[in-house]
Amino acid sequence: MANLSRERSQPDAPAVAGEAAAELLRGLSPDWRSEEGRLRREYRLRGFGEPVALAVRIALLAEREDHHPELRLGYGHLEVELTTHSAGGLTRNDFILAAKIDELG
């Protein structure tokens, strides 16, 4: 499989599901899980500053990719959720951004 983190998000990407989505998921960190048309990953971090710092790094990456996750943060944790609302579920763009987030650490 191609290295997803080297790809760019594409406008109007079609939805992916089933085995195609499962194959893309296998290319990500095992911390990602697919649930109800969404990719989710939770980070356990120290204090409040670490989750905020990671959220900012993800936000800057999302702006460059023009593909924006839901971020929920609190003391010691950050949850990232990806979906493509216009497609009504997951697209390749969600997996591309997830792979790039994986590279952030």
PDB file of N, CA and C in Angstrom:
ATOM      1  N   MET A   1       0.839  -1.172   0.000  1.00  0.00           N
ATOM      2  CA  MET A   1       0.000   0.000   0.000  1.00  0.00           C
ATOM      3  C   MET A   1       0.888   1.242   0.000  1.00  0.00           C
ATOM      4  N   ALA A   2       0.459   2.257  -0.698  1.00  0.00           N
ATOM      5  CA  ALA A   2       1.205   3.504  -0.748  1.00  0.00           C
ATOM      6  C   ALA A   2       1.247   4.140   0.639  1.00  0.00           C
ATOM      7  N   ASN A   3       2.265   4.943   0.884  1.00  0.00           N
ATOM      8  CA  ASN A   3       2.396   5.637   2.153  1.00  0.00           C
ATOM      9  C   ASN A   3       1.403   6.792   2.171  1.00  0.00           C
ATOM     10  N   LEU A   4       0.327   6.652   2.925  1.00  0.00           N
ATOM     11  CA  LEU A   4      -0.744   7.641   2.948  1.00  0.00           C
ATOM     12  C   LEU A   4      -0.254   9.017   3.364  1.00  0.00           C
ATOM     13  N   SER A   5       0.729   9.080   4.233  1.00  0.00           N
ATOM     14  CA  SER A   5       1.180  10.372   4.734  1.00  0.00           C
ATOM     15  C   SER A   5       1.862  11.199   3.644  1.00  0.00           C
ATOM     16  N   ARG A   6       2.174  10.604   2.530  1.00  0.00           N
ATOM     17  CA  ARG A   6       2.806  11.327   1.416  1.00  0.00           C
ATOM     18  C   ARG A   6       1.774  11.843   0.409  1.00  0.00           C
ATOM     19  N   GLU A   7       0.527  11.492   0.620  1.00  0.00           N
ATOM     20  CA  GLU A   7      -0.539  11.936  -0.288  1.00  0.00           C
ATOM     21  C   GLU A   7      -1.129  13.251   0.184  1.00  0.00           C
ATOM     22  N   ARG A   8      -1.810  13.937  -0.721  1.00  0.00           N
ATOM     23  CA  ARG A   8      -2.542  15.157  -0.393  1.00  0.00           C
ATOM     24  C   ARG A   8      -4.026  14.847  -0.422  1.00  0.00           C
ATOM     25  N   SER A   9      -4.775  15.514   0.445  1.00  0.00           N
ATOM     26  CA  SER A   9      -6.228  15.375   0.424  1.00  0.00           C
ATOM     27  C   SER A   9      -6.765  15.915  -0.895  1.00  0.00           C
ATOM     28  N   GLN A  10      -7.806  15.272  -1.393  1.00  0.00           N
ATOM     29  CA  GLN A  10      -8.403  15.655  -2.672  1.00  0.00           C
ATOM     30  C   GLN A  10      -9.837  16.129  -2.459  1.00  0.00           C
ATOM     31  N   PRO A  11     -10.216  17.232  -3.108  1.00  0.00           N
ATOM     32  CA  PRO A  11     -11.609  17.680  -2.987  1.00  0.00           C
ATOM     33  C   PRO A  11     -12.565  16.633  -3.545  1.00  0.00           C
ATOM     34  N   ASP A  12     -13.726  16.557  -2.958  1.00  0.00           N
ATOM     35  CA  ASP A  12     -14.795  15.666  -3.432  1.00  0.00           C
ATOM     36  C   ASP A  12     -14.388  14.203  -3.499  1.00  0.00           C
ATOM     37  N   ALA A  13     -13.562  13.767  -2.562  1.00  0.00           N
ATOM     38  CA  ALA A  13     -13.171  12.353  -2.515  1.00  0.00           C
ATOM     39  C   ALA A  13     -14.407  11.509  -2.198  1.00  0.00           C
ATOM     40  N   PRO A  14     -14.558  10.377  -2.867  1.00  0.00           N
ATOM     41  CA  PRO A  14     -15.720   9.522  -2.600  1.00  0.00           C
ATOM     42  C   PRO A  14     -15.580   8.772  -1.276  1.00  0.00           C
ATOM     43  N   ALA A  15     -16.692   8.380  -0.735  1.00  0.00           N
ATOM     44  CA  ALA A  15     -16.706   7.604   0.508  1.00  0.00           C
ATOM     45  C   ALA A  15     -16.047   6.241   0.287  1.00  0.00           C
ATOM     46  N   VAL A  16     -15.424   5.728   1.333  1.00  0.00           N
ATOM     47  CA  VAL A  16     -14.873   4.372   1.321  1.00  0.00           C
ATOM     48  C   VAL A  16     -15.474   3.612   2.495  1.00  0.00           C
ATOM     49  N   ALA A  17     -15.692   2.346   2.296  1.00  0.00           N
ATOM     50  CA  ALA A  17     -16.276   1.508   3.354  1.00  0.00           C
ATOM     51  C   ALA A  17     -15.812   0.072   3.136  1.00  0.00           C
ATOM     52  N   GLY A  18     -16.238  -0.795   4.011  1.00  0.00           N
ATOM     53  CA  GLY A  18     -15.966  -2.221   3.864  1.00  0.00           C
ATOM     54  C   GLY A  18     -14.499  -2.539   3.836  1.00  0.00           C
ATOM     55  N   GLU A  19     -14.112  -3.442   2.932  1.00  0.00           N
ATOM     56  CA  GLU A  19     -12.727  -3.914   2.856  1.00  0.00           C
ATOM     57  C   GLU A  19     -11.768  -2.796   2.451  1.00  0.00           C
ATOM     58  N   ALA A  20     -12.223  -1.864   1.616  1.00  0.00           N
ATOM     59  CA  ALA A  20     -11.349  -0.738   1.226  1.00  0.00           C
ATOM     60  C   ALA A  20     -10.983   0.093   2.447  1.00  0.00           C
ATOM     61  N   ALA A  21     -11.953   0.380   3.300  1.00  0.00           N
ATOM     62  CA  ALA A  21     -11.685   1.136   4.525  1.00  0.00           C
ATOM     63  C   ALA A  21     -10.817   0.320   5.483  1.00  0.00           C
ATOM     64  N   ALA A  22     -11.079  -0.963   5.593  1.00  0.00           N
ATOM     65  CA  ALA A  22     -10.288  -1.830   6.478  1.00  0.00           C
ATOM     66  C   ALA A  22      -8.831  -1.867   6.032  1.00  0.00           C
ATOM     67  N   GLU A  23      -8.587  -1.918   4.727  1.00  0.00           N
ATOM     68  CA  GLU A  23      -7.219  -1.932   4.218  1.00  0.00           C
ATOM     69  C   GLU A  23      -6.511  -0.616   4.539  1.00  0.00           C
ATOM     70  N   LEU A  24      -7.206   0.508   4.369  1.00  0.00           N
ATOM     71  CA  LEU A  24      -6.611   1.800   4.693  1.00  0.00           C
ATOM     72  C   LEU A  24      -6.328   1.904   6.192  1.00  0.00           C
ATOM     73  N   LEU A  25      -7.222   1.389   7.007  1.00  0.00           N
ATOM     74  CA  LEU A  25      -7.050   1.419   8.457  1.00  0.00           C
ATOM     75  C   LEU A  25      -5.805   0.645   8.877  1.00  0.00           C
ATOM     76  N   ARG A  26      -5.520  -0.444   8.195  1.00  0.00           N
ATOM     77  CA  ARG A  26      -4.331  -1.244   8.522  1.00  0.00           C
ATOM     78  C   ARG A  26      -3.039  -0.466   8.278  1.00  0.00           C
ATOM     79  N   GLY A  27      -3.096   0.589   7.470  1.00  0.00           N
ATOM     80  CA  GLY A  27      -1.918   1.412   7.216  1.00  0.00           C
ATOM     81  C   GLY A  27      -1.663   2.477   8.266  1.00  0.00           C
ATOM     82  N   LEU A  28      -2.536   2.550   9.267  1.00  0.00           N
ATOM     83  CA  LEU A  28      -2.413   3.560  10.322  1.00  0.00           C
ATOM     84  C   LEU A  28      -1.917   2.937  11.614  1.00  0.00           C
ATOM     85  N   SER A  29      -1.599   3.790  12.565  1.00  0.00           N
ATOM     86  CA  SER A  29      -1.268   3.327  13.909  1.00  0.00           C
ATOM     87  C   SER A  29      -2.419   2.472  14.425  1.00  0.00           C
ATOM     88  N   PRO A  30      -2.124   1.413  15.172  1.00  0.00           N
ATOM     89  CA  PRO A  30      -3.202   0.578  15.726  1.00  0.00           C
ATOM     90  C   PRO A  30      -4.055   1.315  16.761  1.00  0.00           C
ATOM     91  N   ASP A  31      -3.662   2.529  17.132  1.00  0.00           N
ATOM     92  CA  ASP A  31      -4.454   3.315  18.078  1.00  0.00           C
ATOM     93  C   ASP A  31      -5.712   3.905  17.433  1.00  0.00           C
ATOM     94  N   TRP A  32      -5.773   3.929  16.105  1.00  0.00           N
ATOM     95  CA  TRP A  32      -6.966   4.409  15.415  1.00  0.00           C
ATOM     96  C   TRP A  32      -8.002   3.301  15.396  1.00  0.00           C
ATOM     97  N   ARG A  33      -9.257   3.688  15.558  1.00  0.00           N
ATOM     98  CA  ARG A  33     -10.344   2.728  15.406  1.00  0.00           C
ATOM     99  C   ARG A  33     -11.425   3.358  14.530  1.00  0.00           C
ATOM    100  N   SER A  34     -12.093   2.516  13.803  1.00  0.00           N
ATOM    101  CA  SER A  34     -13.166   2.956  12.911  1.00  0.00           C
ATOM    102  C   SER A  34     -14.498   2.609  13.562  1.00  0.00           C
ATOM    103  N   GLU A  35     -15.331   3.628  13.738  1.00  0.00           N
ATOM    104  CA  GLU A  35     -16.638   3.442  14.381  1.00  0.00           C
ATOM    105  C   GLU A  35     -17.668   4.322  13.701  1.00  0.00           C
ATOM    106  N   GLU A  36     -18.719   3.727  13.212  1.00  0.00           N
ATOM    107  CA  GLU A  36     -19.868   4.453  12.681  1.00  0.00           C
ATOM    108  C   GLU A  36     -19.479   5.553  11.695  1.00  0.00           C
ATOM    109  N   GLY A  37     -18.641   5.219  10.723  1.00  0.00           N
ATOM    110  CA  GLY A  37     -18.258   6.181   9.698  1.00  0.00           C
ATOM    111  C   GLY A  37     -17.293   7.247  10.167  1.00  0.00           C
ATOM    112  N   ARG A  38     -16.560   6.959  11.229  1.00  0.00           N
ATOM    113  CA  ARG A  38     -15.595   7.899  11.780  1.00  0.00           C
ATOM    114  C   ARG A  38     -14.320   7.164  12.178  1.00  0.00           C
ATOM    115  N   LEU A  39     -13.200   7.867  12.078  1.00  0.00           N
ATOM    116  CA  LEU A  39     -11.940   7.385  12.638  1.00  0.00           C
ATOM    117  C   LEU A  39     -11.728   8.115  13.948  1.00  0.00           C
ATOM    118  N   ARG A  40     -11.319   7.382  14.973  1.00  0.00           N
ATOM    119  CA  ARG A  40     -11.089   7.988  16.286  1.00  0.00           C
ATOM    120  C   ARG A  40      -9.754   7.507  16.857  1.00  0.00           C
ATOM    121  N   ARG A  41      -9.099   8.444  17.516  1.00  0.00           N
ATOM    122  CA  ARG A  41      -7.874   8.108  18.252  1.00  0.00           C
ATOM    123  C   ARG A  41      -7.842   8.965  19.502  1.00  0.00           C
ATOM    124  N   GLU A  42      -7.484   8.341  20.616  1.00  0.00           N
ATOM    125  CA  GLU A  42      -7.348   9.081  21.865  1.00  0.00           C
ATOM    126  C   GLU A  42      -5.900   9.032  22.321  1.00  0.00           C
ATOM    127  N   TYR A  43      -5.407  10.189  22.690  1.00  0.00           N
ATOM    128  CA  TYR A  43      -4.058  10.323  23.227  1.00  0.00           C
ATOM    129  C   TYR A  43      -4.156  10.533  24.732  1.00  0.00           C
ATOM    130  N   ARG A  44      -3.332   9.841  25.486  1.00  0.00           N
ATOM    131  CA  ARG A  44      -3.173  10.063  26.924  1.00  0.00           C
ATOM    132  C   ARG A  44      -1.844  10.785  27.096  1.00  0.00           C
ATOM    133  N   LEU A  45      -1.908  11.996  27.614  1.00  0.00           N
ATOM    134  CA  LEU A  45      -0.730  12.841  27.734  1.00  0.00           C
ATOM    135  C   LEU A  45      -0.635  13.386  29.153  1.00  0.00           C
ATOM    136  N   ARG A  46       0.450  14.096  29.434  1.00  0.00           N
ATOM    137  CA  ARG A  46       0.634  14.663  30.771  1.00  0.00           C
ATOM    138  C   ARG A  46       0.042  16.063  30.847  1.00  0.00           C
ATOM    139  N   GLY A  47      -0.597  16.345  31.959  1.00  0.00           N
ATOM    140  CA  GLY A  47      -1.074  17.688  32.252  1.00  0.00           C
ATOM    141  C   GLY A  47      -2.071  18.213  31.237  1.00  0.00           C
ATOM    142  N   PHE A  48      -2.115  19.513  31.125  1.00  0.00           N
ATOM    143  CA  PHE A  48      -3.013  20.161  30.168  1.00  0.00           C
ATOM    144  C   PHE A  48      -2.242  20.702  28.971  1.00  0.00           C
ATOM    145  N   GLY A  49      -0.999  21.131  29.207  1.00  0.00           N
ATOM    146  CA  GLY A  49      -0.201  21.730  28.138  1.00  0.00           C
ATOM    147  C   GLY A  49       0.105  20.776  26.992  1.00  0.00           C
ATOM    148  N   GLU A  50       0.411  19.509  27.300  1.00  0.00           N
ATOM    149  CA  GLU A  50       0.734  18.555  26.234  1.00  0.00           C
ATOM    150  C   GLU A  50      -0.446  18.307  25.300  1.00  0.00           C
ATOM    151  N   PRO A  51      -1.667  18.081  25.811  1.00  0.00           N
ATOM    152  CA  PRO A  51      -2.789  17.914  24.888  1.00  0.00           C
ATOM    153  C   PRO A  51      -3.061  19.173  24.059  1.00  0.00           C
ATOM    154  N   VAL A  52      -2.918  20.343  24.673  1.00  0.00           N
ATOM    155  CA  VAL A  52      -3.135  21.589  23.938  1.00  0.00           C
ATOM    156  C   VAL A  52      -2.084  21.737  22.843  1.00  0.00           C
ATOM    157  N   ALA A  53      -0.830  21.458  23.157  1.00  0.00           N
ATOM    158  CA  ALA A  53       0.248  21.583  22.171  1.00  0.00           C
ATOM    159  C   ALA A  53       0.018  20.636  20.993  1.00  0.00           C
ATOM    160  N   LEU A  54      -0.371  19.405  21.273  1.00  0.00           N
ATOM    161  CA  LEU A  54      -0.634  18.464  20.188  1.00  0.00           C
ATOM    162  C   LEU A  54      -1.844  18.918  19.371  1.00  0.00           C
ATOM    163  N   ALA A  55      -2.874  19.427  20.030  1.00  0.00           N
ATOM    164  CA  ALA A  55      -4.053  19.916  19.319  1.00  0.00           C
ATOM    165  C   ALA A  55      -3.679  21.049  18.363  1.00  0.00           C
ATOM    166  N   VAL A  56      -2.801  21.933  18.788  1.00  0.00           N
ATOM    167  CA  VAL A  56      -2.355  23.034  17.926  1.00  0.00           C
ATOM    168  C   VAL A  56      -1.594  22.493  16.722  1.00  0.00           C
ATOM    169  N   ARG A  57      -0.708  21.515  16.945  1.00  0.00           N
ATOM    170  CA  ARG A  57       0.049  20.926  15.826  1.00  0.00           C
ATOM    171  C   ARG A  57      -0.896  20.252  14.831  1.00  0.00           C
ATOM    172  N   ILE A  58      -1.915  19.555  15.348  1.00  0.00           N
ATOM    173  CA  ILE A  58      -2.894  18.915  14.478  1.00  0.00           C
ATOM    174  C   ILE A  58      -3.702  19.971  13.722  1.00  0.00           C
ATOM    175  N   ALA A  59      -4.075  21.047  14.408  1.00  0.00           N
ATOM    176  CA  ALA A  59      -4.846  22.116  13.768  1.00  0.00           C
ATOM    177  C   ALA A  59      -4.065  22.752  12.623  1.00  0.00           C
ATOM    178  N   LEU A  60      -2.786  23.009  12.819  1.00  0.00           N
ATOM    179  CA  LEU A  60      -1.969  23.591  11.752  1.00  0.00           C
ATOM    180  C   LEU A  60      -1.841  22.638  10.563  1.00  0.00           C
ATOM    181  N   LEU A  61      -1.664  21.360  10.852  1.00  0.00           N
ATOM    182  CA  LEU A  61      -1.617  20.346   9.798  1.00  0.00           C
ATOM    183  C   LEU A  61      -2.943  20.303   9.048  1.00  0.00           C
ATOM    184  N   ALA A  62      -4.043  20.319   9.779  1.00  0.00           N
ATOM    185  CA  ALA A  62      -5.370  20.267   9.154  1.00  0.00           C
ATOM    186  C   ALA A  62      -5.602  21.464   8.243  1.00  0.00           C
ATOM    187  N   GLU A  63      -5.128  22.623   8.646  1.00  0.00           N
ATOM    188  CA  GLU A  63      -5.263  23.807   7.790  1.00  0.00           C
ATOM    189  C   GLU A  63      -4.500  23.622   6.484  1.00  0.00           C
ATOM    190  N   ARG A  64      -3.278  23.091   6.578  1.00  0.00           N
ATOM    191  CA  ARG A  64      -2.488  22.846   5.349  1.00  0.00           C
ATOM    192  C   ARG A  64      -3.184  21.844   4.439  1.00  0.00           C
ATOM    193  N   GLU A  65      -3.815  20.841   5.035  1.00  0.00           N
ATOM    194  CA  GLU A  65      -4.489  19.797   4.264  1.00  0.00           C
ATOM    195  C   GLU A  65      -5.899  20.196   3.839  1.00  0.00           C
ATOM    196  N   ASP A  66      -6.428  21.249   4.411  1.00  0.00           N
ATOM    197  CA  ASP A  66      -7.811  21.679   4.177  1.00  0.00           C
ATOM    198  C   ASP A  66      -8.786  20.533   4.460  1.00  0.00           C
ATOM    199  N   HIS A  67      -8.511  19.850   5.568  1.00  0.00           N
ATOM    200  CA  HIS A  67      -9.370  18.749   6.026  1.00  0.00           C
ATOM    201  C   HIS A  67      -9.314  18.775   7.544  1.00  0.00           C
ATOM    202  N   HIS A  68     -10.450  18.985   8.188  1.00  0.00           N
ATOM    203  CA  HIS A  68     -10.457  19.379   9.586  1.00  0.00           C
ATOM    204  C   HIS A  68     -11.124  18.351  10.500  1.00  0.00           C
ATOM    205  N   PRO A  69     -10.383  17.874  11.495  1.00  0.00           N
ATOM    206  CA  PRO A  69     -10.939  16.906  12.452  1.00  0.00           C
ATOM    207  C   PRO A  69     -11.709  17.599  13.563  1.00  0.00           C
ATOM    208  N   GLU A  70     -12.451  16.803  14.289  1.00  0.00           N
ATOM    209  CA  GLU A  70     -13.014  17.239  15.560  1.00  0.00           C
ATOM    210  C   GLU A  70     -11.948  16.943  16.609  1.00  0.00           C
ATOM    211  N   LEU A  71     -11.674  17.904  17.464  1.00  0.00           N
ATOM    212  CA  LEU A  71     -10.699  17.725  18.536  1.00  0.00           C
ATOM    213  C   LEU A  71     -11.396  17.982  19.867  1.00  0.00           C
ATOM    214  N   ARG A  72     -11.225  17.054  20.795  1.00  0.00           N
ATOM    215  CA  ARG A  72     -11.759  17.211  22.144  1.00  0.00           C
ATOM    216  C   ARG A  72     -10.599  17.031  23.113  1.00  0.00           C
ATOM    217  N   LEU A  73     -10.365  18.055  23.920  1.00  0.00           N
ATOM    218  CA  LEU A  73      -9.233  17.931  24.819  1.00  0.00           C
ATOM    219  C   LEU A  73      -9.619  18.280  26.236  1.00  0.00           C
ATOM    220  N   GLY A  74      -8.860  17.735  27.128  1.00  0.00           N
ATOM    221  CA  GLY A  74      -9.012  17.994  28.551  1.00  0.00           C
ATOM    222  C   GLY A  74      -7.701  17.676  29.234  1.00  0.00           C
ATOM    223  N   TYR A  75      -7.703  17.769  30.515  1.00  0.00           N
ATOM    224  CA  TYR A  75      -6.496  17.499  31.276  1.00  0.00           C
ATOM    225  C   TYR A  75      -6.039  16.058  31.023  1.00  0.00           C
ATOM    226  N   GLY A  76      -4.878  15.912  30.409  1.00  0.00           N
ATOM    227  CA  GLY A  76      -4.280  14.601  30.214  1.00  0.00           C
ATOM    228  C   GLY A  76      -4.772  13.807  29.010  1.00  0.00           C
ATOM    229  N   HIS A  77      -5.641  14.399  28.194  1.00  0.00           N
ATOM    230  CA  HIS A  77      -6.104  13.618  27.034  1.00  0.00           C
ATOM    231  C   HIS A  77      -6.523  14.525  25.874  1.00  0.00           C
ATOM    232  N   LEU A  78      -6.443  13.946  24.686  1.00  0.00           N
ATOM    233  CA  LEU A  78      -6.909  14.582  23.456  1.00  0.00           C
ATOM    234  C   LEU A  78      -7.541  13.500  22.607  1.00  0.00           C
ATOM    235  N   GLU A  79      -8.753  13.740  22.147  1.00  0.00           N
ATOM    236  CA  GLU A  79      -9.417  12.817  21.234  1.00  0.00           C
ATOM    237  C   GLU A  79      -9.518  13.477  19.866  1.00  0.00           C
ATOM    238  N   VAL A  80      -9.150  12.713  18.837  1.00  0.00           N
ATOM    239  CA  VAL A  80      -9.214  13.172  17.453  1.00  0.00           C
ATOM    240  C   VAL A  80     -10.248  12.316  16.739  1.00  0.00           C
ATOM    241  N   GLU A  81     -11.142  12.972  16.021  1.00  0.00           N
ATOM    242  CA  GLU A  81     -12.175  12.264  15.271  1.00  0.00           C
ATOM    243  C   GLU A  81     -12.208  12.805  13.851  1.00  0.00           C
ATOM    244  N   LEU A  82     -12.159  11.900  12.892  1.00  0.00           N
ATOM    245  CA  LEU A  82     -12.163  12.260  11.475  1.00  0.00           C
ATOM    246  C   LEU A  82     -13.358  11.655  10.767  1.00  0.00           C
ATOM    247  N   THR A  83     -13.985  12.438   9.930  1.00  0.00           N
ATOM    248  CA  THR A  83     -15.035  11.991   9.024  1.00  0.00           C
ATOM    249  C   THR A  83     -15.164  13.049   7.939  1.00  0.00           C
ATOM    250  N   THR A  84     -15.800  12.709   6.854  1.00  0.00           N
ATOM    251  CA  THR A  84     -16.039  13.681   5.789  1.00  0.00           C
ATOM    252  C   THR A  84     -17.541  13.883   5.690  1.00  0.00           C
ATOM    253  N   HIS A  85     -18.002  14.983   6.232  1.00  0.00           N
ATOM    254  CA  HIS A  85     -19.438  15.241   6.300  1.00  0.00           C
ATOM    255  C   HIS A  85     -20.087  15.251   4.916  1.00  0.00           C
ATOM    256  N   SER A  86     -19.403  15.843   3.931  1.00  0.00           N
ATOM    257  CA  SER A  86     -19.988  15.939   2.591  1.00  0.00           C
ATOM    258  C   SER A  86     -20.161  14.572   1.946  1.00  0.00           C
ATOM    259  N   ALA A  87     -19.369  13.588   2.347  1.00  0.00           N
ATOM    260  CA  ALA A  87     -19.480  12.238   1.792  1.00  0.00           C
ATOM    261  C   ALA A  87     -20.343  11.337   2.676  1.00  0.00           C
ATOM    262  N   GLY A  88     -20.724  11.829   3.826  1.00  0.00           N
ATOM    263  CA  GLY A  88     -21.548  11.028   4.727  1.00  0.00           C
ATOM    264  C   GLY A  88     -20.800   9.889   5.383  1.00  0.00           C
ATOM    265  N   GLY A  89     -19.489  10.017   5.546  1.00  0.00           N
ATOM    266  CA  GLY A  89     -18.695   8.961   6.172  1.00  0.00           C
ATOM    267  C   GLY A  89     -17.224   9.167   5.894  1.00  0.00           C
ATOM    268  N   LEU A  90     -16.491   8.083   5.850  1.00  0.00           N
ATOM    269  CA  LEU A  90     -15.047   8.138   5.646  1.00  0.00           C
ATOM    270  C   LEU A  90     -14.682   8.233   4.173  1.00  0.00           C
ATOM    271  N   THR A  91     -13.645   9.031   3.895  1.00  0.00           N
ATOM    272  CA  THR A  91     -13.047   9.072   2.568  1.00  0.00           C
ATOM    273  C   THR A  91     -11.552   8.815   2.728  1.00  0.00           C
ATOM    274  N   ARG A  92     -10.862   8.663   1.632  1.00  0.00           N
ATOM    275  CA  ARG A  92      -9.414   8.488   1.679  1.00  0.00           C
ATOM    276  C   ARG A  92      -8.760   9.669   2.398  1.00  0.00           C
ATOM    277  N   ASN A  93      -9.353  10.871   2.274  1.00  0.00           N
ATOM    278  CA  ASN A  93      -8.804  12.052   2.932  1.00  0.00           C
ATOM    279  C   ASN A  93      -8.696  11.864   4.443  1.00  0.00           C
ATOM    280  N   ASP A  94      -9.663  11.196   5.039  1.00  0.00           N
ATOM    281  CA  ASP A  94      -9.615  10.958   6.482  1.00  0.00           C
ATOM    282  C   ASP A  94      -8.413  10.092   6.845  1.00  0.00           C
ATOM    283  N   PHE A  95      -8.143   9.090   6.049  1.00  0.00           N
ATOM    284  CA  PHE A  95      -7.016   8.198   6.303  1.00  0.00           C
ATOM    285  C   PHE A  95      -5.690   8.909   6.034  1.00  0.00           C
ATOM    286  N   ILE A  96      -5.662   9.775   5.026  1.00  0.00           N
ATOM    287  CA  ILE A  96      -4.456  10.558   4.739  1.00  0.00           C
ATOM    288  C   ILE A  96      -4.127  11.450   5.924  1.00  0.00           C
ATOM    289  N   LEU A  97      -5.129  12.178   6.418  1.00  0.00           N
ATOM    290  CA  LEU A  97      -4.872  13.058   7.559  1.00  0.00           C
ATOM    291  C   LEU A  97      -4.498  12.244   8.794  1.00  0.00           C
ATOM    292  N   ALA A  98      -5.132  11.119   9.023  1.00  0.00           N
ATOM    293  CA  ALA A  98      -4.783  10.267  10.164  1.00  0.00           C
ATOM    294  C   ALA A  98      -3.315   9.827  10.070  1.00  0.00           C
ATOM    295  N   ALA A  99      -2.862   9.455   8.883  1.00  0.00           N
ATOM    296  CA  ALA A  99      -1.466   9.036   8.707  1.00  0.00           C
ATOM    297  C   ALA A  99      -0.512  10.192   9.003  1.00  0.00           C
ATOM    298  N   LYS A 100      -0.885  11.387   8.598  1.00  0.00           N
ATOM    299  CA  LYS A 100      -0.042  12.551   8.871  1.00  0.00           C
ATOM    300  C   LYS A 100      -0.047  12.881  10.363  1.00  0.00           C
ATOM    301  N   ILE A 101      -1.178  12.705  11.019  1.00  0.00           N
ATOM    302  CA  ILE A 101      -1.248  12.907  12.463  1.00  0.00           C
ATOM    303  C   ILE A 101      -0.355  11.880  13.169  1.00  0.00           C
ATOM    304  N   ASP A 102      -0.349  10.649  12.679  1.00  0.00           N
ATOM    305  CA  ASP A 102       0.527   9.617  13.256  1.00  0.00           C
ATOM    306  C   ASP A 102       1.985  10.086  13.266  1.00  0.00           C
ATOM    307  N   GLU A 103       2.402  10.793  12.224  1.00  0.00           N
ATOM    308  CA  GLU A 103       3.786  11.239  12.136  1.00  0.00           C
ATOM    309  C   GLU A 103       4.114  12.358  13.109  1.00  0.00           C
ATOM    310  N   LEU A 104       3.084  13.017  13.650  1.00  0.00           N
ATOM    311  CA  LEU A 104       3.324  14.076  14.634  1.00  0.00           C
ATOM    312  C   LEU A 104       3.781  13.510  15.975  1.00  0.00           C
ATOM    313  N   GLY A 105       3.449  12.242  16.203  1.00  0.00           N
ATOM    314  CA  GLY A 105       3.883  11.614  17.449  1.00  0.00           C
ATOM    315  C   GLY A 105       2.740  11.245  18.359  1.00  0.00           C
TER     316      GLY A 105
END
